[in-house]
Structures are given as C-alpha cells and as structure tokens.
PDB file of N, CA and C in Angstrom:
ATOM      1  N   UNK A   1      22.941  88.044  10.090  1.00  0.00           N
ATOM      2  CA  UNK A   1      22.629  87.423  11.368  1.00  0.00           C
ATOM      3  C   UNK A   1      23.113  88.338  12.462  1.00  0.00           C
ATOM      4  N   UNK A   2      22.274  88.568  13.418  1.00  0.00           N
ATOM      5  CA  UNK A   2      22.642  89.427  14.547  1.00  0.00           C
ATOM      6  C   UNK A   2      23.451  88.691  15.589  1.00  0.00           C
ATOM      7  N   UNK A   3      24.175  89.366  16.402  1.00  0.00           N
ATOM      8  CA  UNK A   3      24.970  88.723  17.430  1.00  0.00           C
ATOM      9  C   UNK A   3      24.395  89.041  18.785  1.00  0.00           C
ATOM     10  N   UNK A   4      23.391  88.201  19.250  1.00  0.00           N
ATOM     11  CA  UNK A   4      22.705  88.512  20.488  1.00  0.00           C
ATOM     12  C   UNK A   4      23.411  87.984  21.715  1.00  0.00           C
ATOM     13  N   UNK A   5      24.704  87.679  21.573  1.00  0.00           N
ATOM     14  CA  UNK A   5      25.431  87.132  22.733  1.00  0.00           C
ATOM     15  C   UNK A   5      26.567  88.042  23.077  1.00  0.00           C
ATOM     16  N   UNK A   6      27.125  87.823  24.224  1.00  0.00           N
ATOM     17  CA  UNK A   6      28.258  88.591  24.605  1.00  0.00           C
ATOM     18  C   UNK A   6      29.243  87.685  25.367  1.00  0.00           C
ATOM     19  N   UNK A   7      30.472  88.085  25.384  1.00  0.00           N
ATOM     20  CA  UNK A   7      31.517  87.402  26.143  1.00  0.00           C
ATOM     21  C   UNK A   7      31.907  88.349  27.254  1.00  0.00           C
ATOM     22  N   UNK A   8      31.869  87.901  28.460  1.00  0.00           N
ATOM     23  CA  UNK A   8      32.209  88.797  29.563  1.00  0.00           C
ATOM     24  C   UNK A   8      33.719  89.006  29.530  1.00  0.00           C
ATOM     25  N   UNK A   9      34.212  89.814  30.430  1.00  0.00           N
ATOM     26  CA  UNK A   9      35.616  90.120  30.493  1.00  0.00           C
ATOM     27  C   UNK A   9      36.460  89.006  31.080  1.00  0.00           C
ATOM     28  N   UNK A  10      35.994  87.836  31.131  1.00  0.00           N
ATOM     29  CA  UNK A  10      36.733  86.703  31.708  1.00  0.00           C
ATOM     30  C   UNK A  10      37.897  86.313  30.789  1.00  0.00           C
ATOM     31  N   UNK A  11      38.666  85.307  31.161  1.00  0.00           N
ATOM     32  CA  UNK A  11      39.964  85.053  30.499  1.00  0.00           C
ATOM     33  C   UNK A  11      39.909  84.285  29.201  1.00  0.00           C
ATOM     34  N   UNK A  12      38.825  83.579  28.883  1.00  0.00           N
ATOM     35  CA  UNK A  12      38.881  82.814  27.676  1.00  0.00           C
ATOM     36  C   UNK A  12      37.578  82.771  26.933  1.00  0.00           C
ATOM     37  N   UNK A  13      37.654  82.432  25.674  1.00  0.00           N
ATOM     38  CA  UNK A  13      36.523  82.369  24.775  1.00  0.00           C
ATOM     39  C   UNK A  13      36.057  80.908  24.665  1.00  0.00           C
ATOM     40  N   UNK A  14      34.816  80.659  24.912  1.00  0.00           N
ATOM     41  CA  UNK A  14      34.226  79.318  24.781  1.00  0.00           C
ATOM     42  C   UNK A  14      33.278  79.361  23.547  1.00  0.00           C
ATOM     43  N   UNK A  15      33.553  78.593  22.524  1.00  0.00           N
ATOM     44  CA  UNK A  15      32.647  78.584  21.326  1.00  0.00           C
ATOM     45  C   UNK A  15      31.268  78.116  21.714  1.00  0.00           C
ATOM     46  N   UNK A  16      30.253  78.787  21.127  1.00  0.00           N
ATOM     47  CA  UNK A  16      28.878  78.458  21.433  1.00  0.00           C
ATOM     48  C   UNK A  16      28.030  78.604  20.199  1.00  0.00           C
ATOM     49  N   UNK A  17      27.133  77.632  19.970  1.00  0.00           N
ATOM     50  CA  UNK A  17      26.095  77.754  18.898  1.00  0.00           C
ATOM     51  C   UNK A  17      24.737  77.727  19.600  1.00  0.00           C
ATOM     52  N   UNK A  18      23.831  78.565  19.121  1.00  0.00           N
ATOM     53  CA  UNK A  18      22.477  78.599  19.654  1.00  0.00           C
ATOM     54  C   UNK A  18      21.547  78.501  18.455  1.00  0.00           C
ATOM     55  N   UNK A  19      20.624  77.547  18.480  1.00  0.00           N
ATOM     56  CA  UNK A  19      19.691  77.397  17.398  1.00  0.00           C
ATOM     57  C   UNK A  19      18.283  77.131  17.913  1.00  0.00           C
ATOM     58  N   UNK A  20      17.324  77.379  17.034  1.00  0.00           N
ATOM     59  CA  UNK A  20      15.897  77.316  17.398  1.00  0.00           C
ATOM     60  C   UNK A  20      15.175  76.333  16.520  1.00  0.00           C
ATOM     61  N   UNK A  21      14.282  75.521  17.119  1.00  0.00           N
ATOM     62  CA  UNK A  21      13.408  74.643  16.388  1.00  0.00           C
ATOM     63  C   UNK A  21      11.977  75.134  16.673  1.00  0.00           C
ATOM     64  N   UNK A  22      11.022  74.346  16.201  1.00  0.00           N
ATOM     65  CA  UNK A  22       9.605  74.696  16.464  1.00  0.00           C
ATOM     66  C   UNK A  22       9.275  74.632  17.959  1.00  0.00           C
ATOM     67  N   UNK A  23       9.993  73.785  18.709  1.00  0.00           N
ATOM     68  CA  UNK A  23       9.637  73.542  20.096  1.00  0.00           C
ATOM     69  C   UNK A  23      10.616  73.974  21.126  1.00  0.00           C
ATOM     70  N   UNK A  24      11.850  74.303  20.713  1.00  0.00           N
ATOM     71  CA  UNK A  24      12.882  74.582  21.737  1.00  0.00           C
ATOM     72  C   UNK A  24      13.986  75.455  21.178  1.00  0.00           C
ATOM     73  N   UNK A  25      14.735  76.011  22.117  1.00  0.00           N
ATOM     74  CA  UNK A  25      15.989  76.677  21.796  1.00  0.00           C
ATOM     75  C   UNK A  25      17.083  75.833  22.383  1.00  0.00           C
ATOM     76  N   UNK A  26      18.109  75.566  21.587  1.00  0.00           N
ATOM     77  CA  UNK A  26      19.202  74.662  22.029  1.00  0.00           C
ATOM     78  C   UNK A  26      20.525  75.470  21.940  1.00  0.00           C
ATOM     79  N   UNK A  27      21.329  75.348  23.006  1.00  0.00           N
ATOM     80  CA  UNK A  27      22.657  75.934  23.009  1.00  0.00           C
ATOM     81  C   UNK A  27      23.669  74.821  23.140  1.00  0.00           C
ATOM     82  N   UNK A  28      24.722  74.870  22.381  1.00  0.00           N
ATOM     83  CA  UNK A  28      25.843  73.898  22.446  1.00  0.00           C
ATOM     84  C   UNK A  28      27.119  74.664  22.675  1.00  0.00           C
ATOM     85  N   UNK A  29      27.885  74.225  23.676  1.00  0.00           N
ATOM     86  CA  UNK A  29      29.179  74.878  23.989  1.00  0.00           C
ATOM     87  C   UNK A  29      30.277  73.827  23.959  1.00  0.00           C
ATOM     88  N   UNK A  30      31.421  74.144  23.396  1.00  0.00           N
ATOM     89  CA  UNK A  30      32.582  73.279  23.417  1.00  0.00           C
ATOM     90  C   UNK A  30      33.282  73.450  24.737  1.00  0.00           C
ATOM     91  N   UNK A  31      33.312  72.364  25.565  1.00  0.00           N
ATOM     92  CA  UNK A  31      33.968  72.416  26.844  1.00  0.00           C
ATOM     93  C   UNK A  31      34.857  71.208  27.082  1.00  0.00           C
ATOM     94  N   UNK A  32      35.703  70.830  26.120  1.00  0.00           N
ATOM     95  CA  UNK A  32      36.531  69.648  26.363  1.00  0.00           C
ATOM     96  C   UNK A  32      37.477  69.893  27.524  1.00  0.00           C
ATOM     97  N   UNK A  33      37.605  68.875  28.344  1.00  0.00           N
ATOM     98  CA  UNK A  33      38.537  68.971  29.483  1.00  0.00           C
ATOM     99  C   UNK A  33      38.006  69.695  30.692  1.00  0.00           C
ATOM    100  N   UNK A  34      36.765  70.186  30.627  1.00  0.00           N
ATOM    101  CA  UNK A  34      36.187  70.899  31.768  1.00  0.00           C
ATOM    102  C   UNK A  34      35.379  69.914  32.604  1.00  0.00           C
ATOM    103  N   UNK A  35      35.606  69.871  33.887  1.00  0.00           N
ATOM    104  CA  UNK A  35      34.837  68.997  34.796  1.00  0.00           C
ATOM    105  C   UNK A  35      33.443  69.595  34.995  1.00  0.00           C
ATOM    106  N   UNK A  36      32.439  68.723  34.910  1.00  0.00           N
ATOM    107  CA  UNK A  36      31.058  69.176  35.057  1.00  0.00           C
ATOM    108  C   UNK A  36      30.817  69.939  36.360  1.00  0.00           C
ATOM    109  N   UNK A  37      31.375  69.534  37.505  1.00  0.00           N
ATOM    110  CA  UNK A  37      31.163  70.343  38.740  1.00  0.00           C
ATOM    111  C   UNK A  37      31.705  71.759  38.633  1.00  0.00           C
ATOM    112  N   UNK A  38      32.556  71.995  37.649  1.00  0.00           N
ATOM    113  CA  UNK A  38      33.146  73.346  37.440  1.00  0.00           C
ATOM    114  C   UNK A  38      32.269  74.221  36.595  1.00  0.00           C
ATOM    115  N   UNK A  39      31.088  73.733  36.128  1.00  0.00           N
ATOM    116  CA  UNK A  39      30.231  74.499  35.215  1.00  0.00           C
ATOM    117  C   UNK A  39      28.918  74.808  35.889  1.00  0.00           C
ATOM    118  N   UNK A  40      28.458  76.054  35.651  1.00  0.00           N
ATOM    119  CA  UNK A  40      27.135  76.485  36.146  1.00  0.00           C
ATOM    120  C   UNK A  40      26.301  76.974  35.013  1.00  0.00           C
ATOM    121  N   UNK A  41      25.053  76.513  34.974  1.00  0.00           N
ATOM    122  CA  UNK A  41      24.094  76.958  33.934  1.00  0.00           C
ATOM    123  C   UNK A  41      22.887  77.541  34.632  1.00  0.00           C
ATOM    124  N   UNK A  42      22.495  78.752  34.262  1.00  0.00           N
ATOM    125  CA  UNK A  42      21.311  79.362  34.836  1.00  0.00           C
ATOM    126  C   UNK A  42      20.596  80.211  33.822  1.00  0.00           C
ATOM    127  N   UNK A  43      19.349  80.495  34.095  1.00  0.00           N
ATOM    128  CA  UNK A  43      18.561  81.407  33.214  1.00  0.00           C
ATOM    129  C   UNK A  43      17.617  82.241  34.088  1.00  0.00           C
ATOM    130  N   UNK A  44      17.564  83.527  33.734  1.00  0.00           N
ATOM    131  CA  UNK A  44      16.686  84.445  34.435  1.00  0.00           C
ATOM    132  C   UNK A  44      16.283  85.561  33.486  1.00  0.00           C
ATOM    133  N   UNK A  45      14.997  85.854  33.448  1.00  0.00           N
ATOM    134  CA  UNK A  45      14.549  86.994  32.585  1.00  0.00           C
ATOM    135  C   UNK A  45      14.991  86.827  31.150  1.00  0.00           C
ATOM    136  N   UNK A  46      14.831  85.604  30.611  1.00  0.00           N
ATOM    137  CA  UNK A  46      15.176  85.295  29.221  1.00  0.00           C
ATOM    138  C   UNK A  46      16.677  85.506  28.905  1.00  0.00           C
ATOM    139  N   UNK A  47      17.505  85.351  29.879  1.00  0.00           N
ATOM    140  CA  UNK A  47      18.968  85.429  29.676  1.00  0.00           C
ATOM    141  C   UNK A  47      19.571  84.072  30.159  1.00  0.00           C
ATOM    142  N   UNK A  48      20.295  83.430  29.247  1.00  0.00           N
ATOM    143  CA  UNK A  48      21.024  82.175  29.614  1.00  0.00           C
ATOM    144  C   UNK A  48      22.465  82.553  29.967  1.00  0.00           C
ATOM    145  N   UNK A  49      22.885  82.007  31.083  1.00  0.00           N
ATOM    146  CA  UNK A  49      24.260  82.255  31.546  1.00  0.00           C
ATOM    147  C   UNK A  49      24.963  80.902  31.781  1.00  0.00           C
ATOM    148  N   UNK A  50      26.096  80.736  31.155  1.00  0.00           N
ATOM    149  CA  UNK A  50      26.914  79.532  31.373  1.00  0.00           C
ATOM    150  C   UNK A  50      28.293  80.039  31.815  1.00  0.00           C
ATOM    151  N   UNK A  51      28.692  79.601  33.020  1.00  0.00           N
ATOM    152  CA  UNK A  51      30.023  79.991  33.516  1.00  0.00           C
ATOM    153  C   UNK A  51      30.744  78.828  34.146  1.00  0.00           C
ATOM    154  N   UNK A  52      32.003  78.996  34.348  1.00  0.00           N
ATOM    155  CA  UNK A  52      32.772  77.938  34.964  1.00  0.00           C
ATOM    156  C   UNK A  52      34.261  78.228  34.933  1.00  0.00           C
ATOM    157  N   UNK A  53      35.031  77.146  35.152  1.00  0.00           N
ATOM    158  CA  UNK A  53      36.456  77.293  35.181  1.00  0.00           C
ATOM    159  C   UNK A  53      37.076  76.062  34.510  1.00  0.00           C
ATOM    160  N   UNK A  54      38.032  76.348  33.635  1.00  0.00           N
ATOM    161  CA  UNK A  54      38.814  75.262  33.033  1.00  0.00           C
ATOM    162  C   UNK A  54      40.133  75.264  33.746  1.00  0.00           C
ATOM    163  N   UNK A  55      40.380  74.142  34.454  1.00  0.00           N
ATOM    164  CA  UNK A  55      41.607  74.044  35.286  1.00  0.00           C
ATOM    165  C   UNK A  55      42.820  73.738  34.431  1.00  0.00           C
ATOM    166  N   UNK A  56      43.908  74.410  34.828  1.00  0.00           N
ATOM    167  CA  UNK A  56      45.191  74.175  34.177  1.00  0.00           C
ATOM    168  C   UNK A  56      45.786  72.866  34.716  1.00  0.00           C
ATOM    169  N   UNK A  57      46.661  72.254  33.918  1.00  0.00           N
ATOM    170  CA  UNK A  57      47.388  71.067  34.343  1.00  0.00           C
ATOM    171  C   UNK A  57      48.647  71.471  35.083  1.00  0.00           C
ATOM    172  N   UNK A  58      48.466  71.950  36.304  1.00  0.00           N
ATOM    173  CA  UNK A  58      49.590  72.481  37.078  1.00  0.00           C
ATOM    174  C   UNK A  58      50.733  71.502  37.256  1.00  0.00           C
ATOM    175  N   UNK A  59      50.409  70.244  37.531  1.00  0.00           N
ATOM    176  CA  UNK A  59      51.466  69.253  37.748  1.00  0.00           C
ATOM    177  C   UNK A  59      52.309  69.029  36.494  1.00  0.00           C
ATOM    178  N   UNK A  60      51.690  69.117  35.299  1.00  0.00           N
ATOM    179  CA  UNK A  60      52.439  69.041  34.069  1.00  0.00           C
ATOM    180  C   UNK A  60      53.336  70.260  33.902  1.00  0.00           C
ATOM    181  N   UNK A  61      52.794  71.405  34.123  1.00  0.00           N
ATOM    182  CA  UNK A  61      53.550  72.656  33.929  1.00  0.00           C
ATOM    183  C   UNK A  61      54.751  72.750  34.857  1.00  0.00           C
ATOM    184  N   UNK A  62      54.642  72.170  36.039  1.00  0.00           N
ATOM    185  CA  UNK A  62      55.753  72.208  36.992  1.00  0.00           C
ATOM    186  C   UNK A  62      56.911  71.303  36.586  1.00  0.00           C
ATOM    187  N   UNK A  63      56.673  70.264  35.774  1.00  0.00           N
ATOM    188  CA  UNK A  63      57.727  69.285  35.423  1.00  0.00           C
ATOM    189  C   UNK A  63      58.192  69.466  33.981  1.00  0.00           C
ATOM    190  N   UNK A  64      57.591  70.326  33.221  1.00  0.00           N
ATOM    191  CA  UNK A  64      57.891  70.357  31.761  1.00  0.00           C
ATOM    192  C   UNK A  64      58.196  71.796  31.342  1.00  0.00           C
ATOM    193  N   UNK A  65      58.980  71.836  30.291  1.00  0.00           N
ATOM    194  CA  UNK A  65      59.248  73.156  29.599  1.00  0.00           C
ATOM    195  C   UNK A  65      58.396  73.104  28.312  1.00  0.00           C
ATOM    196  N   UNK A  66      57.433  73.966  28.248  1.00  0.00           N
ATOM    197  CA  UNK A  66      56.574  73.999  27.089  1.00  0.00           C
ATOM    198  C   UNK A  66      57.229  74.620  25.870  1.00  0.00           C
ATOM    199  N   UNK A  67      57.075  73.954  24.739  1.00  0.00           N
ATOM    200  CA  UNK A  67      57.616  74.471  23.484  1.00  0.00           C
ATOM    201  C   UNK A  67      56.506  75.252  22.756  1.00  0.00           C
ATOM    202  N   UNK A  68      55.247  74.975  23.086  1.00  0.00           N
ATOM    203  CA  UNK A  68      54.113  75.639  22.522  1.00  0.00           C
ATOM    204  C   UNK A  68      52.929  75.514  23.537  1.00  0.00           C
ATOM    205  N   UNK A  69      52.270  76.586  23.768  1.00  0.00           N
ATOM    206  CA  UNK A  69      51.092  76.531  24.703  1.00  0.00           C
ATOM    207  C   UNK A  69      50.017  77.445  24.184  1.00  0.00           C
ATOM    208  N   UNK A  70      49.000  76.868  23.548  1.00  0.00           N
ATOM    209  CA  UNK A  70      47.942  77.632  22.921  1.00  0.00           C
ATOM    210  C   UNK A  70      46.612  77.469  23.610  1.00  0.00           C
ATOM    211  N   UNK A  71      46.472  76.454  24.491  1.00  0.00           N
ATOM    212  CA  UNK A  71      45.173  76.258  25.147  1.00  0.00           C
ATOM    213  C   UNK A  71      45.065  77.250  26.294  1.00  0.00           C
ATOM    214  N   UNK A  72      43.830  77.715  26.518  1.00  0.00           N
ATOM    215  CA  UNK A  72      43.603  78.661  27.599  1.00  0.00           C
ATOM    216  C   UNK A  72      42.912  77.960  28.796  1.00  0.00           C
ATOM    217  N   UNK A  73      43.210  78.487  29.965  1.00  0.00           N
ATOM    218  CA  UNK A  73      42.641  77.979  31.192  1.00  0.00           C
ATOM    219  C   UNK A  73      42.107  79.112  32.033  1.00  0.00           C
ATOM    220  N   UNK A  74      41.299  78.799  33.014  1.00  0.00           N
ATOM    221  CA  UNK A  74      40.783  79.838  33.916  1.00  0.00           C
ATOM    222  C   UNK A  74      39.288  79.993  33.811  1.00  0.00           C
ATOM    223  N   UNK A  75      38.744  81.062  34.347  1.00  0.00           N
ATOM    224  CA  UNK A  75      37.319  81.257  34.366  1.00  0.00           C
ATOM    225  C   UNK A  75      36.771  81.636  32.973  1.00  0.00           C
ATOM    226  N   UNK A  76      35.486  81.294  32.742  1.00  0.00           N
ATOM    227  CA  UNK A  76      34.812  81.709  31.508  1.00  0.00           C
ATOM    228  C   UNK A  76      33.358  81.999  31.835  1.00  0.00           C
ATOM    229  N   UNK A  77      32.746  82.815  30.985  1.00  0.00           N
ATOM    230  CA  UNK A  77      31.311  83.145  31.186  1.00  0.00           C
ATOM    231  C   UNK A  77      30.737  83.511  29.821  1.00  0.00           C
ATOM    232  N   UNK A  78      29.616  82.846  29.438  1.00  0.00           N
ATOM    233  CA  UNK A  78      28.920  83.201  28.224  1.00  0.00           C
ATOM    234  C   UNK A  78      27.533  83.597  28.623  1.00  0.00           C
ATOM    235  N   UNK A  79      27.052  84.671  28.015  1.00  0.00           N
ATOM    236  CA  UNK A  79      25.723  85.229  28.302  1.00  0.00           C
ATOM    237  C   UNK A  79      24.974  85.314  26.933  1.00  0.00           C
ATOM    238  N   UNK A  80      23.758  84.793  26.923  1.00  0.00           N
ATOM    239  CA  UNK A  80      22.938  84.863  25.694  1.00  0.00           C
ATOM    240  C   UNK A  80      21.548  85.294  26.030  1.00  0.00           C
ATOM    241  N   UNK A  81      21.109  86.364  25.341  1.00  0.00           N
ATOM    242  CA  UNK A  81      19.694  86.836  25.520  1.00  0.00           C
ATOM    243  C   UNK A  81      18.776  85.975  24.632  1.00  0.00           C
ATOM    244  N   UNK A  82      17.856  85.275  25.265  1.00  0.00           N
ATOM    245  CA  UNK A  82      16.953  84.415  24.543  1.00  0.00           C
ATOM    246  C   UNK A  82      15.885  85.256  23.845  1.00  0.00           C
ATOM    247  N   UNK A  83      15.515  84.948  22.585  1.00  0.00           N
ATOM    248  CA  UNK A  83      14.598  85.759  21.794  1.00  0.00           C
ATOM    249  C   UNK A  83      13.158  85.593  22.238  1.00  0.00           C
ATOM    250  N   UNK A  84      12.832  84.498  22.978  1.00  0.00           N
ATOM    251  CA  UNK A  84      11.456  84.272  23.418  1.00  0.00           C
ATOM    252  C   UNK A  84      11.483  83.664  24.791  1.00  0.00           C
ATOM    253  N   UNK A  85      10.333  83.573  25.397  1.00  0.00           N
ATOM    254  CA  UNK A  85      10.202  82.959  26.732  1.00  0.00           C
ATOM    255  C   UNK A  85      10.394  81.454  26.614  1.00  0.00           C
ATOM    256  N   UNK A  86      11.045  80.907  27.643  1.00  0.00           N
ATOM    257  CA  UNK A  86      11.289  79.438  27.650  1.00  0.00           C
ATOM    258  C   UNK A  86      10.729  78.817  28.957  1.00  0.00           C
ATOM    259  N   UNK A  87      10.452  77.535  28.871  1.00  0.00           N
ATOM    260  CA  UNK A  87       9.926  76.771  30.044  1.00  0.00           C
ATOM    261  C   UNK A  87      11.086  76.291  30.848  1.00  0.00           C
ATOM    262  N   UNK A  88      11.501  76.994  31.886  1.00  0.00           N
ATOM    263  CA  UNK A  88      12.662  76.635  32.672  1.00  0.00           C
ATOM    264  C   UNK A  88      12.433  75.320  33.438  1.00  0.00           C
ATOM    265  N   UNK A  89      11.170  75.003  33.758  1.00  0.00           N
ATOM    266  CA  UNK A  89      10.893  73.724  34.424  1.00  0.00           C
ATOM    267  C   UNK A  89      11.206  72.529  33.553  1.00  0.00           C
ATOM    268  N   UNK A  90      11.130  72.727  32.218  1.00  0.00           N
ATOM    269  CA  UNK A  90      11.404  71.631  31.316  1.00  0.00           C
ATOM    270  C   UNK A  90      12.833  71.709  30.731  1.00  0.00           C
ATOM    271  N   UNK A  91      13.644  72.611  31.192  1.00  0.00           N
ATOM    272  CA  UNK A  91      15.001  72.753  30.684  1.00  0.00           C
ATOM    273  C   UNK A  91      15.873  71.534  31.094  1.00  0.00           C
ATOM    274  N   UNK A  92      16.833  71.201  30.244  1.00  0.00           N
ATOM    275  CA  UNK A  92      17.729  70.080  30.499  1.00  0.00           C
ATOM    276  C   UNK A  92      19.126  70.426  29.915  1.00  0.00           C
ATOM    277  N   UNK A  93      20.138  69.855  30.556  1.00  0.00           N
ATOM    278  CA  UNK A  93      21.522  70.046  30.079  1.00  0.00           C
ATOM    279  C   UNK A  93      22.211  68.675  30.043  1.00  0.00           C
ATOM    280  N   UNK A  94      22.979  68.430  28.991  1.00  0.00           N
ATOM    281  CA  UNK A  94      23.661  67.154  28.811  1.00  0.00           C
ATOM    282  C   UNK A  94      25.140  67.444  28.421  1.00  0.00           C
ATOM    283  N   UNK A  95      26.066  66.628  28.928  1.00  0.00           N
ATOM    284  CA  UNK A  95      27.470  66.766  28.609  1.00  0.00           C
ATOM    285  C   UNK A  95      27.917  65.422  27.989  1.00  0.00           C
ATOM    286  N   UNK A  96      28.398  65.507  26.765  1.00  0.00           N
ATOM    287  CA  UNK A  96      28.857  64.306  26.048  1.00  0.00           C
ATOM    288  C   UNK A  96      29.959  64.683  25.090  1.00  0.00           C
ATOM    289  N   UNK A  97      31.043  63.944  25.156  1.00  0.00           N
ATOM    290  CA  UNK A  97      32.140  64.136  24.188  1.00  0.00           C
ATOM    291  C   UNK A  97      32.692  65.531  24.203  1.00  0.00           C
ATOM    292  N   UNK A  98      32.744  66.190  25.334  1.00  0.00           N
ATOM    293  CA  UNK A  98      33.305  67.536  25.402  1.00  0.00           C
ATOM    294  C   UNK A  98      32.352  68.651  25.009  1.00  0.00           C
ATOM    295  N   UNK A  99      31.083  68.300  24.707  1.00  0.00           N
ATOM    296  CA  UNK A  99      30.084  69.308  24.327  1.00  0.00           C
ATOM    297  C   UNK A  99      28.989  69.369  25.327  1.00  0.00           C
ATOM    298  N   UNK A 100      28.668  70.549  25.810  1.00  0.00           N
ATOM    299  CA  UNK A 100      27.553  70.801  26.707  1.00  0.00           C
ATOM    300  C   UNK A 100      26.381  71.253  25.873  1.00  0.00           C
ATOM    301  N   UNK A 101      25.271  70.520  25.959  1.00  0.00           N
ATOM    302  CA  UNK A 101      24.060  70.814  25.208  1.00  0.00           C
ATOM    303  C   UNK A 101      22.994  71.211  26.228  1.00  0.00           C
ATOM    304  N   UNK A 102      22.371  72.402  26.002  1.00  0.00           N
ATOM    305  CA  UNK A 102      21.360  72.901  26.887  1.00  0.00           C
ATOM    306  C   UNK A 102      20.082  73.038  26.039  1.00  0.00           C
ATOM    307  N   UNK A 103      19.021  72.366  26.432  1.00  0.00           N
ATOM    308  CA  UNK A 103      17.761  72.418  25.698  1.00  0.00           C
ATOM    309  C   UNK A 103      16.697  73.156  26.535  1.00  0.00           C
ATOM    310  N   UNK A 104      16.132  74.209  25.970  1.00  0.00           N
ATOM    311  CA  UNK A 104      15.157  75.041  26.630  1.00  0.00           C
ATOM    312  C   UNK A 104      13.861  75.028  25.871  1.00  0.00           C
ATOM    313  N   UNK A 105      12.832  74.266  26.299  1.00  0.00           N
ATOM    314  CA  UNK A 105      11.599  74.223  25.571  1.00  0.00           C
ATOM    315  C   UNK A 105      10.955  75.605  25.524  1.00  0.00           C
ATOM    316  N   UNK A 106      10.354  75.931  24.384  1.00  0.00           N
ATOM    317  CA  UNK A 106       9.671  77.181  24.225  1.00  0.00           C
ATOM    318  C   UNK A 106       8.425  77.193  25.132  1.00  0.00           C
ATOM    319  N   UNK A 107       8.113  78.371  25.632  1.00  0.00           N
ATOM    320  CA  UNK A 107       6.914  78.573  26.438  1.00  0.00           C
ATOM    321  C   UNK A 107       5.892  79.230  25.533  1.00  0.00           C
ATOM    322  N   UNK A 108       4.886  78.441  25.185  1.00  0.00           N
ATOM    323  CA  UNK A 108       3.842  78.928  24.308  1.00  0.00           C
ATOM    324  C   UNK A 108       2.776  79.629  25.090  1.00  0.00           C
ATOM    325  N   UNK A 109       2.202  80.659  24.478  1.00  0.00           N
ATOM    326  CA  UNK A 109       1.109  81.403  25.129  1.00  0.00           C
ATOM    327  C   UNK A 109      -0.138  80.504  25.150  1.00  0.00           C
ATOM    328  N   UNK A 110      -0.427  80.019  26.329  1.00  0.00           N
ATOM    329  CA  UNK A 110      -1.558  79.061  26.492  1.00  0.00           C
ATOM    330  C   UNK A 110      -2.893  79.761  26.458  1.00  0.00           C
ATOM    331  N   UNK A 111      -2.922  81.088  26.554  1.00  0.00           N
ATOM    332  CA  UNK A 111      -4.212  81.793  26.548  1.00  0.00           C
ATOM    333  C   UNK A 111      -4.894  81.685  25.205  1.00  0.00           C
ATOM    334  N   UNK A 112      -4.116  81.475  24.125  1.00  0.00           N
ATOM    335  CA  UNK A 112      -4.715  81.441  22.773  1.00  0.00           C
ATOM    336  C   UNK A 112      -4.991  80.049  22.308  1.00  0.00           C
ATOM    337  N   UNK A 113      -4.659  79.019  23.081  1.00  0.00           N
ATOM    338  CA  UNK A 113      -4.906  77.644  22.665  1.00  0.00           C
ATOM    339  C   UNK A 113      -6.346  77.257  22.990  1.00  0.00           C
ATOM    340  N   UNK A 114      -7.031  76.715  22.033  1.00  0.00           N
ATOM    341  CA  UNK A 114      -8.426  76.265  22.221  1.00  0.00           C
ATOM    342  C   UNK A 114      -8.384  74.956  23.014  1.00  0.00           C
ATOM    343  N   UNK A 115      -9.347  74.863  23.903  1.00  0.00           N
ATOM    344  CA  UNK A 115      -9.483  73.592  24.629  1.00  0.00           C
ATOM    345  C   UNK A 115     -10.925  73.360  24.933  1.00  0.00           C
ATOM    346  N   UNK A 116     -11.287  72.118  25.134  1.00  0.00           N
ATOM    347  CA  UNK A 116     -12.662  71.736  25.400  1.00  0.00           C
ATOM    348  C   UNK A 116     -12.855  71.770  26.933  1.00  0.00           C
ATOM    349  N   UNK A 117     -14.003  72.343  27.319  1.00  0.00           N
ATOM    350  CA  UNK A 117     -14.322  72.395  28.769  1.00  0.00           C
ATOM    351  C   UNK A 117     -15.532  71.477  28.953  1.00  0.00           C
ATOM    352  N   UNK A 118     -15.316  70.449  29.784  1.00  0.00           N
ATOM    353  CA  UNK A 118     -16.381  69.489  30.062  1.00  0.00           C
ATOM    354  C   UNK A 118     -17.467  70.115  30.933  1.00  0.00           C
ATOM    355  N   UNK A 119     -18.730  69.782  30.652  1.00  0.00           N
ATOM    356  CA  UNK A 119     -19.830  70.264  31.420  1.00  0.00           C
ATOM    357  C   UNK A 119     -20.309  69.125  32.361  1.00  0.00           C
ATOM    358  N   UNK A 120     -20.411  69.438  33.629  1.00  0.00           N
ATOM    359  CA  UNK A 120     -20.876  68.458  34.595  1.00  0.00           C
ATOM    360  C   UNK A 120     -22.285  68.816  34.954  1.00  0.00           C
ATOM    361  N   UNK A 121     -23.162  67.837  34.848  1.00  0.00           N
ATOM    362  CA  UNK A 121     -24.580  68.046  35.181  1.00  0.00           C
ATOM    363  C   UNK A 121     -24.735  68.066  36.730  1.00  0.00           C
ATOM    364  N   UNK A 122     -25.394  69.094  37.182  1.00  0.00           N
ATOM    365  CA  UNK A 122     -25.720  69.248  38.582  1.00  0.00           C
ATOM    366  C   UNK A 122     -27.177  69.196  38.810  1.00  0.00           C
ATOM    367  N   UNK A 123     -27.637  68.284  39.648  1.00  0.00           N
ATOM    368  CA  UNK A 123     -29.091  68.128  39.917  1.00  0.00           C
ATOM    369  C   UNK A 123     -29.608  69.260  40.733  1.00  0.00           C
ATOM    370  N   UNK A 124     -30.818  69.732  40.376  1.00  0.00           N
ATOM    371  CA  UNK A 124     -31.452  70.838  41.120  1.00  0.00           C
ATOM    372  C   UNK A 124     -31.967  70.391  42.481  1.00  0.00           C
TER     373      UNK A 124
END
C-alpha cells in the first residue's frame, strides 16, 4: 500500500483513514476533544487539507502537578492527495463521537455516459 499522505511540520499527529467505494472517497480522522470551530476542511486541485488546533486544558495545568502527560495539544494539519477528481459541490463533513468523517463523491466523466436526446417537432 502506498502512503499518499503527509503530515506537515505541525506539533501533533492526527490518525486518519482514507478509503474508496464505487461512488465516493471517505476520510475519517480521530479528533476527540477538538471543538468543531477549531477545524478547517478544504480541497483544491485534488488535495484534501484538514487543519486545526487542539486546545490544552490550561486551567487544569495551572492547578495540578501532572504525574503523566501523553496527550498532545496545539496545531495540526493533514494533507492527502486524492487519487481521482471529486465533486466538491456534493462534499459533506460530519463530526460524531470524536471522529470527523469527510465524504467526497467521485466526479465521473460525463462525456462518456450515454443519454437520450429528445426530438422536438418544429412546424415548417
């Protein structure tokens, strides 16, 4: 399996799965504890970009002495090159249970699809 994604030089790693069906490409990212207004999703030239910030619990850190601290906070950015063209007008993103799901419908080449053209009778 090739690795068509990259992690920018930002401070933390956000796990991401991207999979393809007959009709769409779907990306799922684990973002527990991230506020939706802190996340940006965009696509341009077949590149999906998800970025944002996971806020630290500053008020907890000011009152407590941590015995263990493994969670990361700060800015993040994931970039994924899409293998085919997608219909951005039909794109949708959903956040549920700490998972961000982005659905990008495939853009099919409509030039090759057969269609019936109705004939309208015009009087001479």
